[in-house]
Each structure stands twice: as C-alpha cells, then as structure tokens.
Amino acid sequence: MDIKVLELKQRLNKGENLNFFDVREPWEYSEFNIGAQLMPLTSIPDQLIELSAIKDQEIIVHCKTGNRSNQAKIFLESKGFTQVRSLLGGIDAFMG
C-alpha cells in the first residue's frame, strides 16, 4: 500500500528512522530534497545487493509526481521486496 503525504509528514516529524529513497536524478535532488537518500531510478538495478539487507523492511520511495517512484516500487516488488511504498503525488503533493 502506498503512503500518503500526511502519514509521511507525521513520521518524518517524529524523527522515525525510515528506509526513504528519492528516485529522481541528482540535479533534481540538488535543487530540492525532503531528506530521503538519493537513489536515481536508473541506478536501482545496480544497488539490489546493497538493498537486499532491507528486503523485508518497509521501503518508501518518492519522486516529483509519483510516476518514477511507482516504477521503482514495481521493479523492487518484482525482485522480491515485500513492503515498498510509493509517496502518492510525490514532492509536488508533499509541498502542495
């Protein structure tokens, strides 16, 4: 199940330690980010071994509008990741 902006904001405000990834490109991330670790969509296949340690943990992915993060979610799920959540509406919704 994807994550809504309100839930994410509440969890970030509590200071929860999240597996939280921004799947946009580095130039987008450098312009503005909301605290997630940068992991561009195109780099995810190369990082599967590193990510395997959190394969059964909640992973939250986001992008600008939710399209790329949904692609990341589908890809990770196809590789056996069990709790991937995409931020509905992306940063645009987060900032809206």
PDB file of N, CA and C in Angstrom:
ATOM      1  N   MET A   1       0.841  -1.184   0.000  1.00  0.00           N
ATOM      2  CA  MET A   1       0.000   0.000   0.000  1.00  0.00           C
ATOM      3  C   MET A   1       0.887   1.249   0.000  1.00  0.00           C
ATOM      4  N   ASP A   2       0.594   2.170  -0.883  1.00  0.00           N
ATOM      5  CA  ASP A   2       1.383   3.388  -0.978  1.00  0.00           C
ATOM      6  C   ASP A   2       1.165   4.276   0.242  1.00  0.00           C
ATOM      7  N   ILE A   3       2.022   5.278   0.373  1.00  0.00           N
ATOM      8  CA  ILE A   3       1.964   6.159   1.528  1.00  0.00           C
ATOM      9  C   ILE A   3       1.444   7.529   1.125  1.00  0.00           C
ATOM     10  N   LYS A   4       0.572   8.075   1.967  1.00  0.00           N
ATOM     11  CA  LYS A   4       0.025   9.408   1.726  1.00  0.00           C
ATOM     12  C   LYS A   4       0.926  10.454   2.369  1.00  0.00           C
ATOM     13  N   VAL A   5       0.852  11.667   1.833  1.00  0.00           N
ATOM     14  CA  VAL A   5       1.689  12.769   2.298  1.00  0.00           C
ATOM     15  C   VAL A   5       1.542  12.979   3.802  1.00  0.00           C
ATOM     16  N   LEU A   6       0.324  12.990   4.306  1.00  0.00           N
ATOM     17  CA  LEU A   6       0.107  13.261   5.724  1.00  0.00           C
ATOM     18  C   LEU A   6       0.830  12.245   6.604  1.00  0.00           C
ATOM     19  N   GLU A   7       0.706  10.960   6.273  1.00  0.00           N
ATOM     20  CA  GLU A   7       1.386   9.933   7.071  1.00  0.00           C
ATOM     21  C   GLU A   7       2.897  10.127   7.035  1.00  0.00           C
ATOM     22  N   LEU A   8       3.447  10.387   5.845  1.00  0.00           N
ATOM     23  CA  LEU A   8       4.891  10.580   5.731  1.00  0.00           C
ATOM     24  C   LEU A   8       5.334  11.788   6.548  1.00  0.00           C
ATOM     25  N   LYS A   9       4.627  12.897   6.440  1.00  0.00           N
ATOM     26  CA  LYS A   9       4.996  14.100   7.193  1.00  0.00           C
ATOM     27  C   LYS A   9       4.970  13.820   8.698  1.00  0.00           C
ATOM     28  N   GLN A  10       3.955  13.121   9.171  1.00  0.00           N
ATOM     29  CA  GLN A  10       3.863  12.803  10.598  1.00  0.00           C
ATOM     30  C   GLN A  10       5.047  11.958  11.042  1.00  0.00           C
ATOM     31  N   ARG A  11       5.396  10.981  10.248  1.00  0.00           N
ATOM     32  CA  ARG A  11       6.502  10.094  10.600  1.00  0.00           C
ATOM     33  C   ARG A  11       7.845  10.811  10.544  1.00  0.00           C
ATOM     34  N   LEU A  12       8.017  11.695   9.563  1.00  0.00           N
ATOM     35  CA  LEU A  12       9.254  12.478   9.488  1.00  0.00           C
ATOM     36  C   LEU A  12       9.342  13.433  10.676  1.00  0.00           C
ATOM     37  N   ASN A  13       8.228  14.049  11.037  1.00  0.00           N
ATOM     38  CA  ASN A  13       8.215  14.980  12.171  1.00  0.00           C
ATOM     39  C   ASN A  13       8.542  14.279  13.487  1.00  0.00           C
ATOM     40  N   LYS A  14       8.190  13.001  13.598  1.00  0.00           N
ATOM     41  CA  LYS A  14       8.507  12.215  14.799  1.00  0.00           C
ATOM     42  C   LYS A  14       9.978  11.798  14.817  1.00  0.00           C
ATOM     43  N   GLY A  15      10.652  11.971  13.689  1.00  0.00           N
ATOM     44  CA  GLY A  15      12.049  11.584  13.601  1.00  0.00           C
ATOM     45  C   GLY A  15      12.263  10.098  13.405  1.00  0.00           C
ATOM     46  N   GLU A  16      11.260   9.428  12.853  1.00  0.00           N
ATOM     47  CA  GLU A  16      11.401   7.991  12.597  1.00  0.00           C
ATOM     48  C   GLU A  16      12.570   7.725  11.659  1.00  0.00           C
ATOM     49  N   ASN A  17      13.248   6.626  11.898  1.00  0.00           N
ATOM     50  CA  ASN A  17      14.335   6.202  11.024  1.00  0.00           C
ATOM     51  C   ASN A  17      13.725   5.368   9.904  1.00  0.00           C
ATOM     52  N   LEU A  18      13.609   5.952   8.740  1.00  0.00           N
ATOM     53  CA  LEU A  18      12.934   5.307   7.609  1.00  0.00           C
ATOM     54  C   LEU A  18      13.930   4.866   6.541  1.00  0.00           C
ATOM     55  N   ASN A  19      13.584   3.815   5.832  1.00  0.00           N
ATOM     56  CA  ASN A  19      14.290   3.453   4.600  1.00  0.00           C
ATOM     57  C   ASN A  19      13.608   4.280   3.515  1.00  0.00           C
ATOM     58  N   PHE A  20      14.152   5.469   3.260  1.00  0.00           N
ATOM     59  CA  PHE A  20      13.473   6.504   2.498  1.00  0.00           C
ATOM     60  C   PHE A  20      14.373   6.932   1.349  1.00  0.00           C
ATOM     61  N   PHE A  21      13.914   6.711   0.108  1.00  0.00           N
ATOM     62  CA  PHE A  21      14.742   6.956  -1.065  1.00  0.00           C
ATOM     63  C   PHE A  21      14.069   7.880  -2.069  1.00  0.00           C
ATOM     64  N   ASP A  22      14.864   8.796  -2.596  1.00  0.00           N
ATOM     65  CA  ASP A  22      14.452   9.743  -3.635  1.00  0.00           C
ATOM     66  C   ASP A  22      14.961   9.177  -4.953  1.00  0.00           C
ATOM     67  N   VAL A  23      14.052   8.816  -5.867  1.00  0.00           N
ATOM     68  CA  VAL A  23      14.466   8.161  -7.110  1.00  0.00           C
ATOM     69  C   VAL A  23      14.590   9.137  -8.284  1.00  0.00           C
ATOM     70  N   ARG A  24      14.625  10.434  -7.965  1.00  0.00           N
ATOM     71  CA  ARG A  24      14.834  11.425  -9.025  1.00  0.00           C
ATOM     72  C   ARG A  24      16.312  11.466  -9.419  1.00  0.00           C
ATOM     73  N   GLU A  25      16.634  12.315 -10.373  1.00  0.00           N
ATOM     74  CA  GLU A  25      18.001  12.473 -10.849  1.00  0.00           C
ATOM     75  C   GLU A  25      18.785  13.390  -9.895  1.00  0.00           C
ATOM     76  N   PRO A  26      20.124  13.259  -9.882  1.00  0.00           N
ATOM     77  CA  PRO A  26      20.930  14.075  -8.964  1.00  0.00           C
ATOM     78  C   PRO A  26      20.691  15.578  -9.083  1.00  0.00           C
ATOM     79  N   TRP A  27      20.499  16.083 -10.305  1.00  0.00           N
ATOM     80  CA  TRP A  27      20.283  17.524 -10.448  1.00  0.00           C
ATOM     81  C   TRP A  27      18.976  17.948  -9.796  1.00  0.00           C
ATOM     82  N   GLU A  28      17.951  17.106  -9.841  1.00  0.00           N
ATOM     83  CA  GLU A  28      16.676  17.422  -9.191  1.00  0.00           C
ATOM     84  C   GLU A  28      16.847  17.422  -7.672  1.00  0.00           C
ATOM     85  N   TYR A  29      17.581  16.427  -7.195  1.00  0.00           N
ATOM     86  CA  TYR A  29      17.824  16.282  -5.763  1.00  0.00           C
ATOM     87  C   TYR A  29      18.599  17.484  -5.229  1.00  0.00           C
ATOM     88  N   SER A  30      19.591  17.939  -5.992  1.00  0.00           N
ATOM     89  CA  SER A  30      20.402  19.077  -5.518  1.00  0.00           C
ATOM     90  C   SER A  30      19.602  20.373  -5.505  1.00  0.00           C
ATOM     91  N   GLU A  31      18.590  20.489  -6.365  1.00  0.00           N
ATOM     92  CA  GLU A  31      17.738  21.679  -6.354  1.00  0.00           C
ATOM     93  C   GLU A  31      16.854  21.718  -5.119  1.00  0.00           C
ATOM     94  N   PHE A  32      16.333  20.543  -4.709  1.00  0.00           N
ATOM     95  CA  PHE A  32      15.448  20.476  -3.548  1.00  0.00           C
ATOM     96  C   PHE A  32      15.243  19.026  -3.162  1.00  0.00           C
ATOM     97  N   ASN A  33      15.315  18.754  -1.868  1.00  0.00           N
ATOM     98  CA  ASN A  33      15.007  17.406  -1.403  1.00  0.00           C
ATOM     99  C   ASN A  33      14.329  17.471  -0.046  1.00  0.00           C
ATOM    100  N   ILE A  34      13.672  16.380   0.325  1.00  0.00           N
ATOM    101  CA  ILE A  34      12.922  16.347   1.588  1.00  0.00           C
ATOM    102  C   ILE A  34      13.549  15.374   2.586  1.00  0.00           C
ATOM    103  N   GLY A  35      14.821  15.082   2.393  1.00  0.00           N
ATOM    104  CA  GLY A  35      15.550  14.300   3.378  1.00  0.00           C
ATOM    105  C   GLY A  35      15.766  12.833   3.062  1.00  0.00           C
ATOM    106  N   ALA A  36      15.274  12.382   1.931  1.00  0.00           N
ATOM    107  CA  ALA A  36      15.476  10.982   1.544  1.00  0.00           C
ATOM    108  C   ALA A  36      16.891  10.797   0.990  1.00  0.00           C
ATOM    109  N   GLN A  37      17.345   9.570   0.982  1.00  0.00           N
ATOM    110  CA  GLN A  37      18.625   9.239   0.373  1.00  0.00           C
ATOM    111  C   GLN A  37      18.443   9.183  -1.144  1.00  0.00           C
ATOM    112  N   LEU A  38      19.353   9.801  -1.879  1.00  0.00           N
ATOM    113  CA  LEU A  38      19.271   9.793  -3.340  1.00  0.00           C
ATOM    114  C   LEU A  38      19.591   8.409  -3.886  1.00  0.00           C
ATOM    115  N   MET A  39      18.690   7.900  -4.718  1.00  0.00           N
ATOM    116  CA  MET A  39      18.895   6.639  -5.432  1.00  0.00           C
ATOM    117  C   MET A  39      18.131   6.739  -6.747  1.00  0.00           C
ATOM    118  N   PRO A  40      18.757   7.353  -7.764  1.00  0.00           N
ATOM    119  CA  PRO A  40      18.059   7.527  -9.042  1.00  0.00           C
ATOM    120  C   PRO A  40      17.463   6.215  -9.550  1.00  0.00           C
ATOM    121  N   LEU A  41      16.307   6.319 -10.144  1.00  0.00           N
ATOM    122  CA  LEU A  41      15.592   5.152 -10.655  1.00  0.00           C
ATOM    123  C   LEU A  41      16.507   4.249 -11.492  1.00  0.00           C
ATOM    124  N   THR A  42      17.304   4.859 -12.360  1.00  0.00           N
ATOM    125  CA  THR A  42      18.155   4.077 -13.256  1.00  0.00           C
ATOM    126  C   THR A  42      19.266   3.337 -12.519  1.00  0.00           C
ATOM    127  N   SER A  43      19.575   3.732 -11.278  1.00  0.00           N
ATOM    128  CA  SER A  43      20.656   3.080 -10.527  1.00  0.00           C
ATOM    129  C   SER A  43      20.164   1.929  -9.652  1.00  0.00           C
ATOM    130  N   ILE A  44      18.858   1.780  -9.502  1.00  0.00           N
ATOM    131  CA  ILE A  44      18.331   0.768  -8.580  1.00  0.00           C
ATOM    132  C   ILE A  44      18.778  -0.650  -8.938  1.00  0.00           C
ATOM    133  N   PRO A  45      18.759  -1.064 -10.207  1.00  0.00           N
ATOM    134  CA  PRO A  45      19.217  -2.438 -10.501  1.00  0.00           C
ATOM    135  C   PRO A  45      20.644  -2.705 -10.014  1.00  0.00           C
ATOM    136  N   ASP A  46      21.507  -1.684 -10.054  1.00  0.00           N
ATOM    137  CA  ASP A  46      22.894  -1.846  -9.613  1.00  0.00           C
ATOM    138  C   ASP A  46      23.017  -1.874  -8.092  1.00  0.00           C
ATOM    139  N   GLN A  47      21.952  -1.528  -7.376  1.00  0.00           N
ATOM    140  CA  GLN A  47      22.025  -1.443  -5.920  1.00  0.00           C
ATOM    141  C   GLN A  47      21.226  -2.550  -5.226  1.00  0.00           C
ATOM    142  N   LEU A  48      20.782  -3.531  -5.980  1.00  0.00           N
ATOM    143  CA  LEU A  48      19.964  -4.598  -5.400  1.00  0.00           C
ATOM    144  C   LEU A  48      20.693  -5.372  -4.301  1.00  0.00           C
ATOM    145  N   ILE A  49      21.987  -5.613  -4.464  1.00  0.00           N
ATOM    146  CA  ILE A  49      22.725  -6.357  -3.442  1.00  0.00           C
ATOM    147  C   ILE A  49      22.749  -5.550  -2.143  1.00  0.00           C
ATOM    148  N   GLU A  50      23.043  -4.266  -2.250  1.00  0.00           N
ATOM    149  CA  GLU A  50      23.051  -3.385  -1.073  1.00  0.00           C
ATOM    150  C   GLU A  50      21.665  -3.336  -0.427  1.00  0.00           C
ATOM    151  N   LEU A  51      20.635  -3.238  -1.254  1.00  0.00           N
ATOM    152  CA  LEU A  51      19.263  -3.137  -0.739  1.00  0.00           C
ATOM    153  C   LEU A  51      18.738  -4.452  -0.170  1.00  0.00           C
ATOM    154  N   SER A  52      19.369  -5.565  -0.514  1.00  0.00           N
ATOM    155  CA  SER A  52      18.853  -6.866  -0.067  1.00  0.00           C
ATOM    156  C   SER A  52      18.797  -6.978   1.451  1.00  0.00           C
ATOM    157  N   ALA A  53      19.596  -6.205   2.155  1.00  0.00           N
ATOM    158  CA  ALA A  53      19.582  -6.240   3.620  1.00  0.00           C
ATOM    159  C   ALA A  53      18.262  -5.734   4.195  1.00  0.00           C
ATOM    160  N   ILE A  54      17.533  -4.945   3.397  1.00  0.00           N
ATOM    161  CA  ILE A  54      16.247  -4.405   3.868  1.00  0.00           C
ATOM    162  C   ILE A  54      15.077  -4.929   3.036  1.00  0.00           C
ATOM    163  N   LYS A  55      15.273  -6.076   2.422  1.00  0.00           N
ATOM    164  CA  LYS A  55      14.287  -6.651   1.504  1.00  0.00           C
ATOM    165  C   LYS A  55      12.910  -6.841   2.128  1.00  0.00           C
ATOM    166  N   ASP A  56      12.859  -7.174   3.414  1.00  0.00           N
ATOM    167  CA  ASP A  56      11.582  -7.425   4.083  1.00  0.00           C
ATOM    168  C   ASP A  56      11.175  -6.294   5.023  1.00  0.00           C
ATOM    169  N   GLN A  57      11.857  -5.160   4.930  1.00  0.00           N
ATOM    170  CA  GLN A  57      11.504  -3.983   5.721  1.00  0.00           C
ATOM    171  C   GLN A  57      10.714  -3.005   4.849  1.00  0.00           C
ATOM    172  N   GLU A  58      10.033  -2.087   5.502  1.00  0.00           N
ATOM    173  CA  GLU A  58       9.335  -1.040   4.760  1.00  0.00           C
ATOM    174  C   GLU A  58      10.360  -0.160   4.046  1.00  0.00           C
ATOM    175  N   ILE A  59      10.109   0.091   2.788  1.00  0.00           N
ATOM    176  CA  ILE A  59      10.922   0.997   1.974  1.00  0.00           C
ATOM    177  C   ILE A  59       9.965   2.017   1.377  1.00  0.00           C
ATOM    178  N   ILE A  60      10.285   3.296   1.550  1.00  0.00           N
ATOM    179  CA  ILE A  60       9.463   4.379   0.995  1.00  0.00           C
ATOM    180  C   ILE A  60      10.265   5.044  -0.118  1.00  0.00           C
ATOM    181  N   VAL A  61       9.661   5.147  -1.290  1.00  0.00           N
ATOM    182  CA  VAL A  61      10.308   5.796  -2.432  1.00  0.00           C
ATOM    183  C   VAL A  61       9.464   6.981  -2.879  1.00  0.00           C
ATOM    184  N   HIS A  62      10.150   8.012  -3.380  1.00  0.00           N
ATOM    185  CA  HIS A  62       9.411   9.168  -3.895  1.00  0.00           C
ATOM    186  C   HIS A  62      10.159   9.796  -5.058  1.00  0.00           C
ATOM    187  N   CYS A  63       9.405  10.581  -5.829  1.00  0.00           N
ATOM    188  CA  CYS A  63       9.969  11.359  -6.932  1.00  0.00           C
ATOM    189  C   CYS A  63       9.216  12.687  -6.986  1.00  0.00           C
ATOM    190  N   LYS A  64       9.124  13.294  -8.141  1.00  0.00           N
ATOM    191  CA  LYS A  64       8.432  14.582  -8.263  1.00  0.00           C
ATOM    192  C   LYS A  64       6.916  14.432  -8.209  1.00  0.00           C
ATOM    193  N   THR A  65       6.385  13.481  -8.986  1.00  0.00           N
ATOM    194  CA  THR A  65       4.924  13.359  -9.074  1.00  0.00           C
ATOM    195  C   THR A  65       4.388  11.986  -8.677  1.00  0.00           C
ATOM    196  N   GLY A  66       5.260  11.015  -8.521  1.00  0.00           N
ATOM    197  CA  GLY A  66       4.837   9.665  -8.158  1.00  0.00           C
ATOM    198  C   GLY A  66       5.002   8.637  -9.268  1.00  0.00           C
ATOM    199  N   ASN A  67       5.297   9.078 -10.478  1.00  0.00           N
ATOM    200  CA  ASN A  67       5.430   8.131 -11.588  1.00  0.00           C
ATOM    201  C   ASN A  67       6.687   7.271 -11.481  1.00  0.00           C
ATOM    202  N   ARG A  68       7.832   7.921 -11.304  1.00  0.00           N
ATOM    203  CA  ARG A  68       9.087   7.157 -11.205  1.00  0.00           C
ATOM    204  C   ARG A  68       9.124   6.316  -9.935  1.00  0.00           C
ATOM    205  N   SER A  69       8.599   6.858  -8.843  1.00  0.00           N
ATOM    206  CA  SER A  69       8.612   6.061  -7.610  1.00  0.00           C
ATOM    207  C   SER A  69       7.716   4.838  -7.749  1.00  0.00           C
ATOM    208  N   ASN A  70       6.643   4.953  -8.494  1.00  0.00           N
ATOM    209  CA  ASN A  70       5.797   3.787  -8.731  1.00  0.00           C
ATOM    210  C   ASN A  70       6.543   2.756  -9.583  1.00  0.00           C
ATOM    211  N   GLN A  71       7.315   3.224 -10.562  1.00  0.00           N
ATOM    212  CA  GLN A  71       8.134   2.310 -11.360  1.00  0.00           C
ATOM    213  C   GLN A  71       9.161   1.604 -10.480  1.00  0.00           C
ATOM    214  N   ALA A  72       9.775   2.360  -9.555  1.00  0.00           N
ATOM    215  CA  ALA A  72      10.747   1.774  -8.628  1.00  0.00           C
ATOM    216  C   ALA A  72      10.075   0.722  -7.755  1.00  0.00           C
ATOM    217  N   LYS A  73       8.884   1.031  -7.269  1.00  0.00           N
ATOM    218  CA  LYS A  73       8.134   0.097  -6.433  1.00  0.00           C
ATOM    219  C   LYS A  73       7.863  -1.204  -7.197  1.00  0.00           C
ATOM    220  N   ILE A  74       7.368  -1.088  -8.422  1.00  0.00           N
ATOM    221  CA  ILE A  74       7.053  -2.269  -9.235  1.00  0.00           C
ATOM    222  C   ILE A  74       8.319  -3.104  -9.474  1.00  0.00           C
ATOM    223  N   PHE A  75       9.417  -2.432  -9.782  1.00  0.00           N
ATOM    224  CA  PHE A  75      10.669  -3.149 -10.029  1.00  0.00           C
ATOM    225  C   PHE A  75      11.128  -3.883  -8.774  1.00  0.00           C
ATOM    226  N   LEU A  76      11.148  -3.177  -7.637  1.00  0.00           N
ATOM    227  CA  LEU A  76      11.613  -3.808  -6.399  1.00  0.00           C
ATOM    228  C   LEU A  76      10.708  -4.970  -6.001  1.00  0.00           C
ATOM    229  N   GLU A  77       9.415  -4.800  -6.162  1.00  0.00           N
ATOM    230  CA  GLU A  77       8.497  -5.894  -5.853  1.00  0.00           C
ATOM    231  C   GLU A  77       8.762  -7.101  -6.747  1.00  0.00           C
ATOM    232  N   SER A  78       9.111  -6.850  -8.003  1.00  0.00           N
ATOM    233  CA  SER A  78       9.407  -7.955  -8.923  1.00  0.00           C
ATOM    234  C   SER A  78      10.678  -8.703  -8.516  1.00  0.00           C
ATOM    235  N   LYS A  79      11.497  -8.067  -7.683  1.00  0.00           N
ATOM    236  CA  LYS A  79      12.735  -8.682  -7.192  1.00  0.00           C
ATOM    237  C   LYS A  79      12.566  -9.240  -5.780  1.00  0.00           C
ATOM    238  N   GLY A  80      11.326  -9.287  -5.291  1.00  0.00           N
ATOM    239  CA  GLY A  80      11.059  -9.929  -4.018  1.00  0.00           C
ATOM    240  C   GLY A  80      10.983  -9.017  -2.807  1.00  0.00           C
ATOM    241  N   PHE A  81      11.044  -7.714  -3.024  1.00  0.00           N
ATOM    242  CA  PHE A  81      10.897  -6.783  -1.899  1.00  0.00           C
ATOM    243  C   PHE A  81       9.419  -6.759  -1.504  1.00  0.00           C
ATOM    244  N   THR A  82       9.157  -6.821  -0.208  1.00  0.00           N
ATOM    245  CA  THR A  82       7.797  -7.099   0.250  1.00  0.00           C
ATOM    246  C   THR A  82       7.019  -5.908   0.775  1.00  0.00           C
ATOM    247  N   GLN A  83       7.690  -4.802   1.105  1.00  0.00           N
ATOM    248  CA  GLN A  83       6.980  -3.680   1.732  1.00  0.00           C
ATOM    249  C   GLN A  83       7.380  -2.340   1.112  1.00  0.00           C
ATOM    250  N   VAL A  84       7.312  -2.235  -0.188  1.00  0.00           N
ATOM    251  CA  VAL A  84       7.695  -0.996  -0.869  1.00  0.00           C
ATOM    252  C   VAL A  84       6.475  -0.089  -0.986  1.00  0.00           C
ATOM    253  N   ARG A  85       6.645   1.164  -0.593  1.00  0.00           N
ATOM    254  CA  ARG A  85       5.551   2.135  -0.648  1.00  0.00           C
ATOM    255  C   ARG A  85       6.012   3.365  -1.425  1.00  0.00           C
ATOM    256  N   SER A  86       5.195   3.805  -2.343  1.00  0.00           N
ATOM    257  CA  SER A  86       5.469   4.998  -3.140  1.00  0.00           C
ATOM    258  C   SER A  86       4.688   6.171  -2.548  1.00  0.00           C
ATOM    259  N   LEU A  87       5.335   7.339  -2.478  1.00  0.00           N
ATOM    260  CA  LEU A  87       4.659   8.535  -1.981  1.00  0.00           C
ATOM    261  C   LEU A  87       3.659   9.008  -3.028  1.00  0.00           C
ATOM    262  N   LEU A  88       2.390   8.964  -2.685  1.00  0.00           N
ATOM    263  CA  LEU A  88       1.327   9.380  -3.611  1.00  0.00           C
ATOM    264  C   LEU A  88       1.453  10.872  -3.927  1.00  0.00           C
ATOM    265  N   GLY A  89       1.612  11.182  -5.220  1.00  0.00           N
ATOM    266  CA  GLY A  89       1.714  12.569  -5.648  1.00  0.00           C
ATOM    267  C   GLY A  89       3.118  13.143  -5.585  1.00  0.00           C
ATOM    268  N   GLY A  90       4.060  12.411  -4.999  1.00  0.00           N
ATOM    269  CA  GLY A  90       5.452  12.845  -4.952  1.00  0.00           C
ATOM    270  C   GLY A  90       5.676  14.143  -4.208  1.00  0.00           C
ATOM    271  N   ILE A  91       6.822  14.763  -4.510  1.00  0.00           N
ATOM    272  CA  ILE A  91       7.192  16.031  -3.857  1.00  0.00           C
ATOM    273  C   ILE A  91       6.153  17.110  -4.162  1.00  0.00           C
ATOM    274  N   ASP A  92       5.579  17.073  -5.360  1.00  0.00           N
ATOM    275  CA  ASP A  92       4.570  18.076  -5.688  1.00  0.00           C
ATOM    276  C   ASP A  92       3.441  18.069  -4.670  1.00  0.00           C
ATOM    277  N   ALA A  93       2.963  16.871  -4.296  1.00  0.00           N
ATOM    278  CA  ALA A  93       1.897  16.763  -3.293  1.00  0.00           C
ATOM    279  C   ALA A  93       2.420  17.113  -1.909  1.00  0.00           C
ATOM    280  N   PHE A  94       3.645  16.705  -1.619  1.00  0.00           N
ATOM    281  CA  PHE A  94       4.256  16.965  -0.311  1.00  0.00           C
ATOM    282  C   PHE A  94       4.345  18.465  -0.047  1.00  0.00           C
ATOM    283  N   MET A  95       4.685  19.217  -1.097  1.00  0.00           N
ATOM    284  CA  MET A  95       4.849  20.668  -0.954  1.00  0.00           C
ATOM    285  C   MET A  95       3.545  21.435  -1.140  1.00  0.00           C
ATOM    286  N   GLY A  96       2.513  20.752  -1.663  1.00  0.00           N
ATOM    287  CA  GLY A  96       1.251  21.410  -2.004  1.00  0.00           C
ATOM    288  C   GLY A  96       0.430  21.913  -0.894  1.00  0.00           C
TER     289      GLY A  96
END
